[in-house]
Amino acid sequence: MKFKVTGEWNGEPFNRVIEAENINDCYDHWMLWAQIAHADVTNIR
């Protein structure tokens, strides 16, 4: 499935479409990359 994800990455707004198995997989994807990059992800939807 494709998910449209919006939020802020280190204070910069982002708007992306990613493929994931479900909404939890989608969220986990963003949190994993944020942890790897030592980034602050906020307002993720």
N, C-alpha and C. Protein backbone atom coordinates (compact mmCIF):
# COMPACT_ATOMS: atom_id res chain seq x y z
N MET A 1 0.83 -1.18 0.00
CA MET A 1 0.00 0.00 0.00
C MET A 1 0.88 1.25 0.00
N LYS A 2 0.35 2.32 -0.51
CA LYS A 2 1.06 3.60 -0.49
C LYS A 2 0.43 4.50 0.56
N PHE A 3 1.30 5.21 1.29
CA PHE A 3 0.85 6.12 2.33
C PHE A 3 1.45 7.49 2.10
N LYS A 4 0.64 8.52 2.24
CA LYS A 4 1.12 9.89 2.18
C LYS A 4 1.47 10.30 3.61
N VAL A 5 2.71 10.72 3.81
CA VAL A 5 3.20 11.06 5.15
C VAL A 5 3.63 12.52 5.16
N THR A 6 3.17 13.25 6.14
CA THR A 6 3.58 14.64 6.32
C THR A 6 4.08 14.81 7.74
N GLY A 7 4.88 15.83 7.95
CA GLY A 7 5.40 16.12 9.27
C GLY A 7 6.57 17.07 9.17
N GLU A 8 7.38 17.06 10.23
CA GLU A 8 8.59 17.89 10.25
C GLU A 8 9.79 17.03 10.59
N TRP A 9 10.85 17.21 9.81
CA TRP A 9 12.12 16.50 10.00
C TRP A 9 13.13 17.57 10.39
N ASN A 10 13.55 17.55 11.66
CA ASN A 10 14.44 18.59 12.19
C ASN A 10 13.90 19.99 11.92
N GLY A 11 12.58 20.14 12.10
CA GLY A 11 11.95 21.44 11.93
C GLY A 11 11.58 21.81 10.51
N GLU A 12 12.02 21.03 9.53
CA GLU A 12 11.70 21.29 8.13
C GLU A 12 10.50 20.45 7.71
N PRO A 13 9.47 21.05 7.13
CA PRO A 13 8.31 20.27 6.72
C PRO A 13 8.64 19.29 5.59
N PHE A 14 8.00 18.12 5.64
CA PHE A 14 8.15 17.15 4.56
C PHE A 14 6.78 16.60 4.18
N ASN A 15 6.69 16.12 2.96
CA ASN A 15 5.46 15.56 2.42
C ASN A 15 5.90 14.47 1.44
N ARG A 16 5.74 13.20 1.83
CA ARG A 16 6.24 12.10 1.01
C ARG A 16 5.19 11.01 0.86
N VAL A 17 5.34 10.22 -0.18
CA VAL A 17 4.52 9.03 -0.37
C VAL A 17 5.48 7.84 -0.30
N ILE A 18 5.18 6.89 0.58
CA ILE A 18 6.02 5.69 0.69
C ILE A 18 5.14 4.46 0.62
N GLU A 19 5.77 3.34 0.30
CA GLU A 19 5.07 2.06 0.28
C GLU A 19 5.40 1.32 1.57
N ALA A 20 4.37 0.73 2.17
CA ALA A 20 4.53 -0.04 3.40
C ALA A 20 3.43 -1.09 3.47
N GLU A 21 3.63 -2.08 4.33
CA GLU A 21 2.63 -3.14 4.49
C GLU A 21 1.34 -2.61 5.11
N ASN A 22 1.49 -1.72 6.11
CA ASN A 22 0.34 -1.15 6.81
C ASN A 22 0.78 0.15 7.48
N ILE A 23 -0.13 0.81 8.18
CA ILE A 23 0.18 2.11 8.78
C ILE A 23 1.27 1.99 9.85
N ASN A 24 1.29 0.88 10.58
CA ASN A 24 2.33 0.69 11.60
C ASN A 24 3.70 0.54 10.97
N ASP A 25 3.78 -0.19 9.87
CA ASP A 25 5.03 -0.36 9.14
C ASP A 25 5.51 0.99 8.60
N CYS A 26 4.57 1.79 8.14
CA CYS A 26 4.88 3.13 7.63
C CYS A 26 5.50 3.98 8.73
N TYR A 27 4.86 4.01 9.89
CA TYR A 27 5.36 4.79 11.03
C TYR A 27 6.73 4.28 11.47
N ASP A 28 6.87 2.96 11.57
CA ASP A 28 8.15 2.37 11.98
C ASP A 28 9.27 2.74 11.01
N HIS A 29 8.96 2.80 9.73
CA HIS A 29 9.94 3.19 8.71
C HIS A 29 10.52 4.57 9.02
N TRP A 30 9.63 5.54 9.28
CA TRP A 30 10.08 6.91 9.57
C TRP A 30 10.87 6.98 10.87
N MET A 31 10.42 6.26 11.89
CA MET A 31 11.10 6.30 13.18
C MET A 31 12.48 5.64 13.11
N LEU A 32 12.60 4.58 12.31
CA LEU A 32 13.89 3.93 12.13
C LEU A 32 14.89 4.88 11.49
N TRP A 33 14.49 5.52 10.39
CA TRP A 33 15.40 6.44 9.70
C TRP A 33 15.72 7.67 10.55
N ALA A 34 14.76 8.12 11.33
CA ALA A 34 15.01 9.25 12.22
C ALA A 34 16.05 8.87 13.27
N GLN A 35 15.94 7.66 13.80
CA GLN A 35 16.91 7.20 14.80
C GLN A 35 18.29 7.07 14.18
N ILE A 36 18.38 6.50 12.99
CA ILE A 36 19.67 6.35 12.31
C ILE A 36 20.31 7.71 12.05
N ALA A 37 19.49 8.69 11.65
CA ALA A 37 19.99 10.03 11.30
C ALA A 37 20.09 10.96 12.50
N HIS A 38 19.71 10.47 13.68
CA HIS A 38 19.67 11.33 14.88
C HIS A 38 18.82 12.56 14.61
N ALA A 39 17.69 12.34 13.95
CA ALA A 39 16.80 13.44 13.57
C ALA A 39 15.63 13.53 14.55
N ASP A 40 15.01 14.68 14.56
CA ASP A 40 13.82 14.92 15.35
C ASP A 40 12.63 14.98 14.40
N VAL A 41 11.73 13.99 14.50
CA VAL A 41 10.55 13.95 13.64
C VAL A 41 9.34 14.31 14.49
N THR A 42 8.61 15.34 14.06
CA THR A 42 7.43 15.78 14.80
C THR A 42 6.24 15.93 13.86
N ASN A 43 5.07 15.96 14.43
CA ASN A 43 3.82 16.17 13.69
C ASN A 43 3.64 15.17 12.56
N ILE A 44 4.12 13.95 12.73
CA ILE A 44 4.00 12.96 11.66
C ILE A 44 2.54 12.51 11.54
N ARG A 45 2.06 12.49 10.30
CA ARG A 45 0.68 12.06 10.01
C ARG A 45 0.67 11.22 8.76
